[in-house]
């Protein structure tokens, strides 16, 4: 009976460690694609960031914005 308890304990610990690692949240990344330089579309980018803020997102805290 001790062997079964030991194996159950070891197996349970392995499953628990996998479950803990699986629950780590990642920060979402939003890509802003445009063919010109960032200075050329600065008004659109400002409006985009303002809309993200109104939706409850703060750049660097809960969302990442990448310019391409």
N, C-alpha and C. Protein backbone atom coordinates (compact mmCIF):
# COMPACT_ATOMS: atom_id res chain seq x y z
N UNK A 1 0.81 -1.19 0.00
CA UNK A 1 0.00 0.00 0.00
C UNK A 1 0.87 1.27 0.00
N UNK A 2 2.02 1.23 0.64
CA UNK A 2 2.89 2.40 0.68
C UNK A 2 3.42 2.77 -0.71
N UNK A 3 3.69 1.76 -1.51
CA UNK A 3 4.20 2.02 -2.85
C UNK A 3 3.16 2.77 -3.68
N UNK A 4 1.90 2.37 -3.61
CA UNK A 4 0.84 3.05 -4.37
C UNK A 4 0.66 4.49 -3.89
N UNK A 5 0.74 4.70 -2.62
CA UNK A 5 0.62 6.07 -2.09
C UNK A 5 1.77 6.94 -2.59
N UNK A 6 2.97 6.38 -2.58
CA UNK A 6 4.15 7.11 -3.04
C UNK A 6 4.03 7.47 -4.52
N UNK A 7 3.65 6.48 -5.33
CA UNK A 7 3.51 6.73 -6.76
C UNK A 7 2.40 7.73 -7.05
N UNK A 8 1.33 7.66 -6.30
CA UNK A 8 0.25 8.63 -6.46
C UNK A 8 0.69 10.04 -6.11
N UNK A 9 1.49 10.15 -5.06
CA UNK A 9 2.00 11.45 -4.64
C UNK A 9 2.93 12.04 -5.70
N UNK A 10 3.84 11.22 -6.22
CA UNK A 10 4.77 11.68 -7.26
C UNK A 10 4.01 12.07 -8.53
N UNK A 11 3.06 11.26 -8.93
CA UNK A 11 2.27 11.56 -10.13
C UNK A 11 1.45 12.83 -9.96
N UNK A 12 0.87 13.00 -8.79
CA UNK A 12 0.08 14.20 -8.52
C UNK A 12 0.93 15.45 -8.54
N UNK A 13 2.14 15.38 -8.01
CA UNK A 13 3.04 16.53 -8.02
C UNK A 13 3.43 16.91 -9.44
N UNK A 14 3.63 15.92 -10.30
CA UNK A 14 3.98 16.20 -11.70
C UNK A 14 2.85 16.89 -12.43
N UNK A 15 1.64 16.44 -12.20
CA UNK A 15 0.48 17.06 -12.85
C UNK A 15 0.28 18.47 -12.32
N UNK A 16 0.46 18.68 -11.03
CA UNK A 16 0.30 20.00 -10.44
C UNK A 16 1.31 20.99 -11.01
N UNK A 17 2.56 20.57 -11.16
CA UNK A 17 3.58 21.48 -11.69
C UNK A 17 3.28 21.86 -13.13
N UNK A 18 2.76 20.95 -13.94
CA UNK A 18 2.39 21.26 -15.31
C UNK A 18 1.22 22.24 -15.33
N UNK A 19 0.25 22.06 -14.45
CA UNK A 19 -0.91 22.94 -14.41
C UNK A 19 -0.51 24.35 -13.99
N UNK A 20 0.43 24.49 -13.07
CA UNK A 20 0.87 25.80 -12.62
C UNK A 20 1.56 26.53 -13.75
N UNK A 21 2.40 25.86 -14.51
CA UNK A 21 3.10 26.49 -15.62
C UNK A 21 2.15 26.85 -16.76
N UNK A 22 1.09 26.11 -16.93
CA UNK A 22 0.16 26.35 -18.02
C UNK A 22 -0.70 27.58 -17.78
N UNK A 23 -0.77 28.08 -16.56
CA UNK A 23 -1.65 29.18 -16.25
C UNK A 23 -0.97 30.54 -16.29
N UNK A 24 0.26 30.62 -16.74
CA UNK A 24 0.94 31.89 -16.83
C UNK A 24 0.39 32.68 -18.00
N UNK A 25 -0.09 33.87 -17.71
CA UNK A 25 -0.69 34.71 -18.75
C UNK A 25 0.40 35.45 -19.52
N UNK A 26 0.19 35.62 -20.81
CA UNK A 26 1.11 36.40 -21.62
C UNK A 26 0.43 37.71 -22.01
N UNK A 27 1.24 38.71 -22.25
CA UNK A 27 0.71 40.00 -22.65
C UNK A 27 0.37 39.97 -24.14
N UNK A 28 -0.85 40.40 -24.50
CA UNK A 28 -1.20 40.42 -25.92
C UNK A 28 -0.37 41.46 -26.68
N UNK A 29 -0.10 41.14 -27.93
CA UNK A 29 0.67 42.04 -28.81
C UNK A 29 -0.23 42.46 -29.95
N UNK A 30 -0.31 43.77 -30.16
CA UNK A 30 -1.10 44.31 -31.27
C UNK A 30 -0.12 44.91 -32.26
N UNK A 31 -0.23 44.50 -33.51
CA UNK A 31 0.64 45.02 -34.55
C UNK A 31 -0.05 46.13 -35.33
N UNK A 32 0.63 47.22 -35.57
CA UNK A 32 0.11 48.33 -36.37
C UNK A 32 0.94 48.38 -37.64
N UNK A 33 0.35 47.95 -38.73
CA UNK A 33 1.06 47.86 -40.00
C UNK A 33 0.75 49.06 -40.89
N UNK A 34 1.79 49.67 -41.44
CA UNK A 34 1.61 50.81 -42.34
C UNK A 34 2.84 50.89 -43.24
N UNK A 35 2.68 51.35 -44.43
CA UNK A 35 3.77 51.39 -45.39
C UNK A 35 4.68 52.59 -45.27
N UNK A 36 4.27 53.62 -44.54
CA UNK A 36 5.07 54.84 -44.43
C UNK A 36 5.85 54.85 -43.11
N UNK A 37 6.60 55.93 -42.89
CA UNK A 37 7.34 56.08 -41.64
C UNK A 37 6.37 56.40 -40.51
N UNK A 38 6.73 56.12 -39.26
CA UNK A 38 5.82 56.41 -38.14
C UNK A 38 5.43 57.89 -38.04
N UNK A 39 6.30 58.80 -38.46
CA UNK A 39 5.96 60.23 -38.42
C UNK A 39 4.83 60.57 -39.40
N UNK A 40 4.77 59.84 -40.50
CA UNK A 40 3.76 60.13 -41.52
C UNK A 40 2.35 59.74 -41.07
N UNK A 41 2.24 58.73 -40.23
CA UNK A 41 0.92 58.32 -39.78
C UNK A 41 0.73 58.55 -38.29
N UNK A 42 1.40 59.55 -37.74
CA UNK A 42 1.31 59.86 -36.31
C UNK A 42 -0.13 60.15 -35.86
N UNK A 43 -0.95 60.90 -36.64
CA UNK A 43 -2.32 61.15 -36.18
C UNK A 43 -3.15 59.85 -36.07
N UNK A 44 -2.99 58.96 -37.02
CA UNK A 44 -3.72 57.68 -36.97
C UNK A 44 -3.24 56.84 -35.78
N UNK A 45 -1.94 56.84 -35.54
CA UNK A 45 -1.38 56.09 -34.43
C UNK A 45 -1.85 56.65 -33.09
N UNK A 46 -1.93 57.96 -32.97
CA UNK A 46 -2.42 58.57 -31.74
C UNK A 46 -3.88 58.19 -31.49
N UNK A 47 -4.69 58.20 -32.54
CA UNK A 47 -6.09 57.81 -32.40
C UNK A 47 -6.21 56.34 -32.04
N UNK A 48 -5.35 55.51 -32.60
CA UNK A 48 -5.34 54.09 -32.29
C UNK A 48 -5.02 53.85 -30.82
N UNK A 49 -3.99 54.53 -30.33
CA UNK A 49 -3.61 54.38 -28.92
C UNK A 49 -4.68 54.94 -27.99
N UNK A 50 -5.33 56.02 -28.38
CA UNK A 50 -6.41 56.58 -27.58
C UNK A 50 -7.56 55.58 -27.48
N UNK A 51 -7.90 54.95 -28.59
CA UNK A 51 -8.98 53.96 -28.60
C UNK A 51 -8.62 52.74 -27.74
N UNK A 52 -7.37 52.34 -27.78
CA UNK A 52 -6.94 51.24 -26.91
C UNK A 52 -7.14 51.62 -25.44
N UNK A 53 -6.79 52.84 -25.10
CA UNK A 53 -6.96 53.32 -23.72
C UNK A 53 -8.42 53.35 -23.31
N UNK A 54 -9.29 53.77 -24.22
CA UNK A 54 -10.72 53.81 -23.93
C UNK A 54 -11.29 52.41 -23.74
N UNK A 55 -10.66 51.42 -24.38
CA UNK A 55 -11.10 50.04 -24.25
C UNK A 55 -10.52 49.37 -23.00
N UNK A 56 -9.69 50.11 -22.24
CA UNK A 56 -9.15 49.57 -21.01
C UNK A 56 -7.74 49.01 -21.11
N UNK A 57 -7.08 49.26 -22.22
CA UNK A 57 -5.72 48.77 -22.41
C UNK A 57 -4.72 49.88 -22.20
N UNK A 58 -3.63 49.58 -21.52
CA UNK A 58 -2.57 50.54 -21.28
C UNK A 58 -1.28 49.97 -21.85
N UNK A 59 -0.71 50.67 -22.81
CA UNK A 59 0.48 50.16 -23.49
C UNK A 59 1.63 49.96 -22.50
N UNK A 60 2.21 48.78 -22.51
CA UNK A 60 3.29 48.45 -21.60
C UNK A 60 2.83 47.78 -20.32
N UNK A 61 1.55 47.91 -19.97
CA UNK A 61 1.04 47.29 -18.75
C UNK A 61 0.24 46.03 -19.06
N UNK A 62 -0.72 46.13 -19.99
CA UNK A 62 -1.52 44.94 -20.32
C UNK A 62 -1.63 44.71 -21.83
N UNK A 63 -0.87 45.45 -22.62
CA UNK A 63 -0.83 45.23 -24.07
C UNK A 63 0.48 45.81 -24.60
N UNK A 64 0.99 45.20 -25.66
CA UNK A 64 2.19 45.69 -26.34
C UNK A 64 1.81 46.06 -27.76
N UNK A 65 2.23 47.24 -28.21
CA UNK A 65 1.96 47.69 -29.58
C UNK A 65 3.27 47.67 -30.35
N UNK A 66 3.27 46.97 -31.47
CA UNK A 66 4.45 46.91 -32.32
C UNK A 66 4.16 47.62 -33.63
N UNK A 67 5.04 48.51 -34.01
CA UNK A 67 4.90 49.25 -35.26
C UNK A 67 5.74 48.59 -36.33
N UNK A 68 5.17 48.39 -37.49
CA UNK A 68 5.88 47.77 -38.61
C UNK A 68 5.61 48.55 -39.86
